[in-house]
């Protein structure tokens, strides 16, 4: 998986995120980083970025790690967000970068579902910061992963 492949995936499978400017910047087994820039198309009436656009960028930083972990496993696994929560600390203006460092947790959850056949829950956190390094928002996504029956 590479940022360019994920960004092409966004264009065809998640066009709202793509056209709002959400982009995957980097990914490895432990960490994923996305970014989105405040623009006319993703604004709210308060001269900052709409909360849902921040959520799309945050979710992508967690979901790409889940997709990558499934690809590494090379076995069919279903994935689904079953809950999420967010906190907002300041207006999102300029470029906001979201990072998730929970790659190991999702790898462990997928290994466990493959071993036991039971669904597993993995809570993943993504933090959004602005160009000054100030935390703008924080999201938690509860991902459910389950080995698919062959």
C-alpha atoms as a PDB file:
ATOM      1  CA  UNK A   1       0.000   0.000   0.000  1.00  0.00           C
ATOM      2  CA  UNK A   2       1.280   3.418  -0.897  1.00  0.00           C
ATOM      3  CA  UNK A   3      -0.072   6.943  -0.464  1.00  0.00           C
ATOM      4  CA  UNK A   4      -0.633   7.299  -4.215  1.00  0.00           C
ATOM      5  CA  UNK A   5      -2.690   4.080  -4.374  1.00  0.00           C
ATOM      6  CA  UNK A   6      -4.784   5.090  -1.353  1.00  0.00           C
ATOM      7  CA  UNK A   7      -5.361   8.564  -2.788  1.00  0.00           C
ATOM      8  CA  UNK A   8      -6.520   7.021  -6.090  1.00  0.00           C
ATOM      9  CA  UNK A   9      -8.809   4.748  -4.048  1.00  0.00           C
ATOM     10  CA  UNK A  10     -10.263   7.904  -2.449  1.00  0.00           C
ATOM     11  CA  UNK A  11     -11.061   9.382  -5.848  1.00  0.00           C
ATOM     12  CA  UNK A  12     -13.114   6.358  -6.920  1.00  0.00           C
ATOM     13  CA  UNK A  13     -14.492   4.982  -3.639  1.00  0.00           C
ATOM     14  CA  UNK A  14     -14.660   8.040  -1.332  1.00  0.00           C
ATOM     15  CA  UNK A  15     -15.038  11.015  -3.676  1.00  0.00           C
ATOM     16  CA  UNK A  16     -16.365  13.346  -0.954  1.00  0.00           C
ATOM     17  CA  UNK A  17     -13.085  12.968   0.940  1.00  0.00           C
ATOM     18  CA  UNK A  18     -11.036  13.355  -2.230  1.00  0.00           C
ATOM     19  CA  UNK A  19     -12.790  16.526  -3.394  1.00  0.00           C
ATOM     20  CA  UNK A  20     -12.606  18.048   0.104  1.00  0.00           C
ATOM     21  CA  UNK A  21      -8.818  17.666  -0.111  1.00  0.00           C
ATOM     22  CA  UNK A  22      -8.175  14.724   2.228  1.00  0.00           C
ATOM     23  CA  UNK A  23      -4.887  13.017   1.302  1.00  0.00           C
ATOM     24  CA  UNK A  24      -2.830  10.205   2.765  1.00  0.00           C
ATOM     25  CA  UNK A  25       0.752  11.428   3.228  1.00  0.00           C
ATOM     26  CA  UNK A  26       2.599   8.458   4.715  1.00  0.00           C
ATOM     27  CA  UNK A  27       1.970   4.952   6.011  1.00  0.00           C
ATOM     28  CA  UNK A  28       4.025   2.181   7.559  1.00  0.00           C
ATOM     29  CA  UNK A  29       3.080  -0.719   9.841  1.00  0.00           C
ATOM     30  CA  UNK A  30       2.951   1.487  12.949  1.00  0.00           C
ATOM     31  CA  UNK A  31       1.822   4.925  11.807  1.00  0.00           C
ATOM     32  CA  UNK A  32      -0.336   6.662   9.214  1.00  0.00           C
ATOM     33  CA  UNK A  33      -0.489  10.378   8.459  1.00  0.00           C
ATOM     34  CA  UNK A  34      -3.130  12.235   6.475  1.00  0.00           C
ATOM     35  CA  UNK A  35      -3.686  15.918   5.816  1.00  0.00           C
ATOM     36  CA  UNK A  36      -6.339  18.302   4.624  1.00  0.00           C
ATOM     37  CA  UNK A  37      -6.137  22.018   3.938  1.00  0.00           C
ATOM     38  CA  UNK A  38      -8.849  24.513   4.857  1.00  0.00           C
ATOM     39  CA  UNK A  39     -10.471  25.638   1.595  1.00  0.00           C
ATOM     40  CA  UNK A  40     -13.762  27.001   0.326  1.00  0.00           C
ATOM     41  CA  UNK A  41     -15.183  23.513  -0.319  1.00  0.00           C
ATOM     42  CA  UNK A  42     -14.614  22.256   3.233  1.00  0.00           C
ATOM     43  CA  UNK A  43     -15.465  25.377   5.238  1.00  0.00           C
ATOM     44  CA  UNK A  44     -18.143  25.926   7.840  1.00  0.00           C
ATOM     45  CA  UNK A  45     -19.929  29.245   8.511  1.00  0.00           C
ATOM     46  CA  UNK A  46     -17.408  30.068  11.263  1.00  0.00           C
ATOM     47  CA  UNK A  47     -14.390  30.466   8.956  1.00  0.00           C
ATOM     48  CA  UNK A  48     -12.819  27.149   9.815  1.00  0.00           C
ATOM     49  CA  UNK A  49     -12.871  23.569   8.560  1.00  0.00           C
ATOM     50  CA  UNK A  50     -16.147  21.642   8.841  1.00  0.00           C
ATOM     51  CA  UNK A  51     -15.984  18.971  11.550  1.00  0.00           C
ATOM     52  CA  UNK A  52     -16.946  16.164   9.166  1.00  0.00           C
ATOM     53  CA  UNK A  53     -13.981  16.909   6.901  1.00  0.00           C
ATOM     54  CA  UNK A  54     -11.685  16.612   9.898  1.00  0.00           C
ATOM     55  CA  UNK A  55     -13.425  13.324  10.684  1.00  0.00           C
ATOM     56  CA  UNK A  56     -12.803  12.005   7.171  1.00  0.00           C
ATOM     57  CA  UNK A  57      -9.091  12.770   7.428  1.00  0.00           C
ATOM     58  CA  UNK A  58      -8.880  11.278  10.921  1.00  0.00           C
ATOM     59  CA  UNK A  59     -10.785   8.141   9.915  1.00  0.00           C
ATOM     60  CA  UNK A  60      -8.543   7.633   6.898  1.00  0.00           C
ATOM     61  CA  UNK A  61      -5.465   7.697   9.139  1.00  0.00           C
ATOM     62  CA  UNK A  62      -6.925   4.800  11.152  1.00  0.00           C
ATOM     63  CA  UNK A  63      -8.713   2.941   8.356  1.00  0.00           C
ATOM     64  CA  UNK A  64      -5.655   2.818   6.099  1.00  0.00           C
ATOM     65  CA  UNK A  65      -3.764   1.069   8.926  1.00  0.00           C
ATOM     66  CA  UNK A  66      -6.608  -1.472   9.207  1.00  0.00           C
ATOM     67  CA  UNK A  67      -6.612  -2.054   5.436  1.00  0.00           C
ATOM     68  CA  UNK A  68      -2.841  -2.477   5.429  1.00  0.00           C
ATOM     69  CA  UNK A  69      -2.954  -4.949   8.339  1.00  0.00           C
ATOM     70  CA  UNK A  70      -5.567  -7.011   6.477  1.00  0.00           C
ATOM     71  CA  UNK A  71      -3.394  -6.977   3.358  1.00  0.00           C
ATOM     72  CA  UNK A  72      -0.374  -8.141   5.378  1.00  0.00           C
ATOM     73  CA  UNK A  73      -2.419 -11.019   6.852  1.00  0.00           C
ATOM     74  CA  UNK A  74      -3.391 -12.199   3.326  1.00  0.00           C
ATOM     75  CA  UNK A  75      -6.644 -13.661   4.659  1.00  0.00           C
ATOM     76  CA  UNK A  76     -10.159 -12.239   4.222  1.00  0.00           C
ATOM     77  CA  UNK A  77     -11.112 -10.018   7.157  1.00  0.00           C
ATOM     78  CA  UNK A  78     -14.110  -7.704   7.431  1.00  0.00           C
ATOM     79  CA  UNK A  79     -13.689  -4.249   8.931  1.00  0.00           C
ATOM     80  CA  UNK A  80     -16.290  -1.823  10.246  1.00  0.00           C
ATOM     81  CA  UNK A  81     -16.357   1.311  12.376  1.00  0.00           C
ATOM     82  CA  UNK A  82     -18.724   0.545  15.254  1.00  0.00           C
ATOM     83  CA  UNK A  83     -18.292   3.780  17.250  1.00  0.00           C
ATOM     84  CA  UNK A  84     -16.427   7.044  17.186  1.00  0.00           C
ATOM     85  CA  UNK A  85     -15.945  10.130  19.291  1.00  0.00           C
ATOM     86  CA  UNK A  86     -14.223  13.450  18.795  1.00  0.00           C
ATOM     87  CA  UNK A  87     -12.981  16.455  20.698  1.00  0.00           C
ATOM     88  CA  UNK A  88     -12.266  19.879  19.185  1.00  0.00           C
ATOM     89  CA  UNK A  89      -9.789  22.275  20.756  1.00  0.00           C
ATOM     90  CA  UNK A  90      -9.432  25.193  18.349  1.00  0.00           C
ATOM     91  CA  UNK A  91     -10.565  26.338  14.915  1.00  0.00           C
ATOM     92  CA  UNK A  92      -9.099  24.280  12.094  1.00  0.00           C
ATOM     93  CA  UNK A  93      -7.478  26.685   9.643  1.00  0.00           C
ATOM     94  CA  UNK A  94      -4.651  26.122   7.209  1.00  0.00           C
ATOM     95  CA  UNK A  95      -3.255  22.600   6.756  1.00  0.00           C
ATOM     96  CA  UNK A  96      -4.299  20.085   9.412  1.00  0.00           C
ATOM     97  CA  UNK A  97      -2.289  16.868   9.744  1.00  0.00           C
ATOM     98  CA  UNK A  98      -3.814  13.785  11.366  1.00  0.00           C
ATOM     99  CA  UNK A  99      -1.635  11.004  12.737  1.00  0.00           C
ATOM    100  CA  UNK A 100      -2.508   7.580  14.105  1.00  0.00           C
ATOM    101  CA  UNK A 101       0.171   5.447  15.755  1.00  0.00           C
ATOM    102  CA  UNK A 102      -1.954   2.382  16.554  1.00  0.00           C
ATOM    103  CA  UNK A 103      -0.695   0.088  13.791  1.00  0.00           C
ATOM    104  CA  UNK A 104       0.549  -2.562  16.222  1.00  0.00           C
ATOM    105  CA  UNK A 105      -2.811  -2.706  18.005  1.00  0.00           C
ATOM    106  CA  UNK A 106      -4.712  -3.427  14.804  1.00  0.00           C
ATOM    107  CA  UNK A 107      -2.138  -6.023  13.693  1.00  0.00           C
ATOM    108  CA  UNK A 108      -2.642  -7.768  17.050  1.00  0.00           C
ATOM    109  CA  UNK A 109      -6.455  -7.615  16.742  1.00  0.00           C
ATOM    110  CA  UNK A 110      -6.364  -9.132  13.258  1.00  0.00           C
ATOM    111  CA  UNK A 111      -3.959 -11.878  14.357  1.00  0.00           C
ATOM    112  CA  UNK A 112      -6.318 -12.693  17.244  1.00  0.00           C
ATOM    113  CA  UNK A 113      -9.436 -12.857  15.040  1.00  0.00           C
ATOM    114  CA  UNK A 114      -7.584 -15.138  12.623  1.00  0.00           C
ATOM    115  CA  UNK A 115      -6.571 -17.420  15.510  1.00  0.00           C
ATOM    116  CA  UNK A 116      -9.907 -17.518  17.356  1.00  0.00           C
ATOM    117  CA  UNK A 117     -12.427 -16.755  14.614  1.00  0.00           C
ATOM    118  CA  UNK A 118     -14.087 -14.280  16.957  1.00  0.00           C
ATOM    119  CA  UNK A 119     -14.553 -10.603  16.169  1.00  0.00           C
ATOM    120  CA  UNK A 120     -12.156  -8.205  17.806  1.00  0.00           C
ATOM    121  CA  UNK A 121     -12.449  -4.530  18.725  1.00  0.00           C
ATOM    122  CA  UNK A 122      -9.553  -2.142  18.232  1.00  0.00           C
ATOM    123  CA  UNK A 123      -9.814   1.463  19.426  1.00  0.00           C
ATOM    124  CA  UNK A 124      -7.609   3.741  17.354  1.00  0.00           C
ATOM    125  CA  UNK A 125      -6.843   7.403  18.050  1.00  0.00           C
ATOM    126  CA  UNK A 126      -6.002  10.084  15.502  1.00  0.00           C
ATOM    127  CA  UNK A 127      -4.759  13.521  16.513  1.00  0.00           C
ATOM    128  CA  UNK A 128      -5.018  16.552  14.244  1.00  0.00           C
ATOM    129  CA  UNK A 129      -2.483  19.360  14.525  1.00  0.00           C
ATOM    130  CA  UNK A 130      -2.094  22.631  12.639  1.00  0.00           C
ATOM    131  CA  UNK A 131       1.082  24.060  11.074  1.00  0.00           C
ATOM    132  CA  UNK A 132       2.135  25.515  14.456  1.00  0.00           C
ATOM    133  CA  UNK A 133       1.900  22.054  16.037  1.00  0.00           C
ATOM    134  CA  UNK A 134      -1.168  22.959  18.116  1.00  0.00           C
ATOM    135  CA  UNK A 135      -3.710  20.179  18.617  1.00  0.00           C
ATOM    136  CA  UNK A 136      -6.892  21.107  16.759  1.00  0.00           C
ATOM    137  CA  UNK A 137      -8.951  17.948  17.233  1.00  0.00           C
ATOM    138  CA  UNK A 138      -8.725  14.373  18.417  1.00  0.00           C
ATOM    139  CA  UNK A 139     -10.775  11.408  17.191  1.00  0.00           C
ATOM    140  CA  UNK A 140     -11.227   7.865  18.444  1.00  0.00           C
ATOM    141  CA  UNK A 141     -12.588   5.178  16.150  1.00  0.00           C
ATOM    142  CA  UNK A 142     -13.689   1.772  17.364  1.00  0.00           C
ATOM    143  CA  UNK A 143     -12.906  -0.687  14.578  1.00  0.00           C
ATOM    144  CA  UNK A 144     -14.422  -4.149  14.567  1.00  0.00           C
ATOM    145  CA  UNK A 145     -12.438  -6.784  12.666  1.00  0.00           C
ATOM    146  CA  UNK A 146     -13.613 -10.322  12.034  1.00  0.00           C
ATOM    147  CA  UNK A 147     -12.184 -13.198  10.042  1.00  0.00           C
ATOM    148  CA  UNK A 148     -14.481 -13.986   7.113  1.00  0.00           C
ATOM    149  CA  UNK A 149     -15.713 -17.540   6.676  1.00  0.00           C
ATOM    150  CA  UNK A 150     -14.105 -19.130   3.655  1.00  0.00           C
END
